[in-house]
């Protein structure tokens, strides 16, 4: 398995609710751990650029408060008419990152 550079724990959509505008990103330590309370909110174009530069992203999901984080899917770029962030390869014109919670 390739080394994961960042985990994504939440997303924010644009005003039309069709495209991800921001992602909550946590830097992954060498042992796969991360600091839950330390994160950056990166724009979609920033994440696309990092992936194009070879950085690896994976979603993480927490089922309920106090539970452990579960690893989700790898992020990929899929270009349809613009570059989308997806965990499922399909031809929809909508960002798709599992069912991550929204950034408030």
C-alpha atoms as a PDB file:
ATOM      1  CA  UNK A   1       0.000   0.000   0.000  1.00  0.00           C
ATOM      2  CA  UNK A   2       1.286   3.450  -0.917  1.00  0.00           C
ATOM      3  CA  UNK A   3       2.110   5.831   1.892  1.00  0.00           C
ATOM      4  CA  UNK A   4      -0.824   8.140   2.632  1.00  0.00           C
ATOM      5  CA  UNK A   5       0.177  11.786   3.050  1.00  0.00           C
ATOM      6  CA  UNK A   6      -3.193  13.218   4.110  1.00  0.00           C
ATOM      7  CA  UNK A   7      -6.536  12.096   5.531  1.00  0.00           C
ATOM      8  CA  UNK A   8      -9.735  13.951   4.610  1.00  0.00           C
ATOM      9  CA  UNK A   9     -12.356  14.015   7.380  1.00  0.00           C
ATOM     10  CA  UNK A  10     -14.972  16.525   6.121  1.00  0.00           C
ATOM     11  CA  UNK A  11     -15.955  18.571   3.102  1.00  0.00           C
ATOM     12  CA  UNK A  12     -17.769  21.793   2.248  1.00  0.00           C
ATOM     13  CA  UNK A  13     -19.795  22.150  -0.956  1.00  0.00           C
ATOM     14  CA  UNK A  14     -20.326  25.208  -3.132  1.00  0.00           C
ATOM     15  CA  UNK A  15     -23.551  27.215  -2.901  1.00  0.00           C
ATOM     16  CA  UNK A  16     -25.228  24.994  -5.549  1.00  0.00           C
ATOM     17  CA  UNK A  17     -24.255  21.908  -3.508  1.00  0.00           C
ATOM     18  CA  UNK A  18     -22.713  20.291  -6.597  1.00  0.00           C
ATOM     19  CA  UNK A  19     -18.945  20.658  -6.122  1.00  0.00           C
ATOM     20  CA  UNK A  20     -16.633  20.414  -3.162  1.00  0.00           C
ATOM     21  CA  UNK A  21     -15.168  23.800  -2.362  1.00  0.00           C
ATOM     22  CA  UNK A  22     -13.077  22.890   0.714  1.00  0.00           C
ATOM     23  CA  UNK A  23     -11.723  19.738   2.346  1.00  0.00           C
ATOM     24  CA  UNK A  24     -10.677  19.253   5.972  1.00  0.00           C
ATOM     25  CA  UNK A  25      -7.204  17.719   5.666  1.00  0.00           C
ATOM     26  CA  UNK A  26      -5.024  16.105   8.365  1.00  0.00           C
ATOM     27  CA  UNK A  27      -1.317  15.406   7.835  1.00  0.00           C
ATOM     28  CA  UNK A  28      -0.527  11.711   8.330  1.00  0.00           C
ATOM     29  CA  UNK A  29       2.477  10.762  10.478  1.00  0.00           C
ATOM     30  CA  UNK A  30       4.937   8.071   9.393  1.00  0.00           C
ATOM     31  CA  UNK A  31       3.150   5.452  11.518  1.00  0.00           C
ATOM     32  CA  UNK A  32      -0.257   6.255   9.975  1.00  0.00           C
ATOM     33  CA  UNK A  33      -1.473   8.250  12.984  1.00  0.00           C
ATOM     34  CA  UNK A  34      -2.709  11.838  12.868  1.00  0.00           C
ATOM     35  CA  UNK A  35      -3.787  14.610  15.225  1.00  0.00           C
ATOM     36  CA  UNK A  36      -7.585  14.844  15.051  1.00  0.00           C
ATOM     37  CA  UNK A  37      -7.645  18.451  16.250  1.00  0.00           C
ATOM     38  CA  UNK A  38      -4.894  19.650  13.895  1.00  0.00           C
ATOM     39  CA  UNK A  39      -6.105  20.194  10.339  1.00  0.00           C
ATOM     40  CA  UNK A  40      -6.140  22.569   7.395  1.00  0.00           C
ATOM     41  CA  UNK A  41      -9.080  23.447   5.186  1.00  0.00           C
ATOM     42  CA  UNK A  42      -7.782  23.258   1.628  1.00  0.00           C
ATOM     43  CA  UNK A  43      -9.588  24.254  -1.547  1.00  0.00           C
ATOM     44  CA  UNK A  44     -10.435  21.636  -4.150  1.00  0.00           C
ATOM     45  CA  UNK A  45      -7.913  23.088  -6.666  1.00  0.00           C
ATOM     46  CA  UNK A  46      -5.194  22.891  -3.973  1.00  0.00           C
ATOM     47  CA  UNK A  47      -5.937  19.206  -3.326  1.00  0.00           C
ATOM     48  CA  UNK A  48      -6.057  18.458  -7.069  1.00  0.00           C
ATOM     49  CA  UNK A  49      -2.622  20.092  -7.442  1.00  0.00           C
ATOM     50  CA  UNK A  50      -1.171  18.086  -4.538  1.00  0.00           C
ATOM     51  CA  UNK A  51      -2.508  14.824  -6.014  1.00  0.00           C
ATOM     52  CA  UNK A  52      -1.020  15.752  -9.395  1.00  0.00           C
ATOM     53  CA  UNK A  53       2.309  16.299  -7.588  1.00  0.00           C
ATOM     54  CA  UNK A  54       2.147  12.736  -6.223  1.00  0.00           C
ATOM     55  CA  UNK A  55       0.614  13.246  -2.771  1.00  0.00           C
ATOM     56  CA  UNK A  56      -1.803  10.525  -1.592  1.00  0.00           C
ATOM     57  CA  UNK A  57      -5.125  11.298   0.122  1.00  0.00           C
ATOM     58  CA  UNK A  58      -7.563   8.931   1.842  1.00  0.00           C
ATOM     59  CA  UNK A  59     -10.928   9.625   3.447  1.00  0.00           C
ATOM     60  CA  UNK A  60     -11.532   8.819   7.107  1.00  0.00           C
ATOM     61  CA  UNK A  61     -14.914   8.441   8.768  1.00  0.00           C
ATOM     62  CA  UNK A  62     -16.013   8.510  12.394  1.00  0.00           C
ATOM     63  CA  UNK A  63     -19.310   6.689  12.911  1.00  0.00           C
ATOM     64  CA  UNK A  64     -20.186   8.465  16.171  1.00  0.00           C
ATOM     65  CA  UNK A  65     -18.719  10.714  18.818  1.00  0.00           C
ATOM     66  CA  UNK A  66     -16.052   8.892  20.779  1.00  0.00           C
ATOM     67  CA  UNK A  67     -15.649   6.126  18.215  1.00  0.00           C
ATOM     68  CA  UNK A  68     -12.461   5.384  16.316  1.00  0.00           C
ATOM     69  CA  UNK A  69     -11.746   6.688  12.848  1.00  0.00           C
ATOM     70  CA  UNK A  70     -12.207   4.211  10.008  1.00  0.00           C
ATOM     71  CA  UNK A  71     -10.171   4.431   6.825  1.00  0.00           C
ATOM     72  CA  UNK A  72     -12.231   5.094   3.727  1.00  0.00           C
ATOM     73  CA  UNK A  73     -11.250   5.317   0.078  1.00  0.00           C
ATOM     74  CA  UNK A  74      -8.343   6.843  -1.817  1.00  0.00           C
ATOM     75  CA  UNK A  75      -9.001  10.188  -3.482  1.00  0.00           C
ATOM     76  CA  UNK A  76      -8.556  10.307  -7.226  1.00  0.00           C
ATOM     77  CA  UNK A  77      -8.914  12.982  -9.838  1.00  0.00           C
ATOM     78  CA  UNK A  78     -11.434  12.330 -12.539  1.00  0.00           C
ATOM     79  CA  UNK A  79     -11.693  14.839 -15.325  1.00  0.00           C
ATOM     80  CA  UNK A  80     -15.058  15.006 -17.036  1.00  0.00           C
ATOM     81  CA  UNK A  81     -15.410  18.631 -18.031  1.00  0.00           C
ATOM     82  CA  UNK A  82     -13.493  19.893 -15.017  1.00  0.00           C
ATOM     83  CA  UNK A  83     -11.382  18.031 -12.456  1.00  0.00           C
ATOM     84  CA  UNK A  84     -13.477  16.352  -9.756  1.00  0.00           C
ATOM     85  CA  UNK A  85     -12.382  14.651  -6.535  1.00  0.00           C
ATOM     86  CA  UNK A  86     -13.823  11.163  -6.262  1.00  0.00           C
ATOM     87  CA  UNK A  87     -13.544   7.905  -4.391  1.00  0.00           C
ATOM     88  CA  UNK A  88     -15.809   6.137  -6.900  1.00  0.00           C
ATOM     89  CA  UNK A  89     -14.998   6.188 -10.610  1.00  0.00           C
ATOM     90  CA  UNK A  90     -18.153   7.220 -12.411  1.00  0.00           C
ATOM     91  CA  UNK A  91     -19.103   9.785 -15.006  1.00  0.00           C
ATOM     92  CA  UNK A  92     -21.249  11.970 -12.773  1.00  0.00           C
ATOM     93  CA  UNK A  93     -20.491  15.664 -12.762  1.00  0.00           C
ATOM     94  CA  UNK A  94     -20.504  15.801  -8.989  1.00  0.00           C
ATOM     95  CA  UNK A  95     -17.733  15.472  -6.434  1.00  0.00           C
ATOM     96  CA  UNK A  96     -17.918  12.186  -4.566  1.00  0.00           C
ATOM     97  CA  UNK A  97     -16.015  11.538  -1.340  1.00  0.00           C
ATOM     98  CA  UNK A  98     -17.912   8.753   0.362  1.00  0.00           C
ATOM     99  CA  UNK A  99     -20.282  10.333   2.851  1.00  0.00           C
ATOM    100  CA  UNK A 100     -17.949  12.623   4.747  1.00  0.00           C
ATOM    101  CA  UNK A 101     -19.594  15.133   7.085  1.00  0.00           C
ATOM    102  CA  UNK A 102     -19.825  18.732   5.968  1.00  0.00           C
ATOM    103  CA  UNK A 103     -17.515  21.442   7.292  1.00  0.00           C
ATOM    104  CA  UNK A 104     -19.636  23.933   9.240  1.00  0.00           C
END
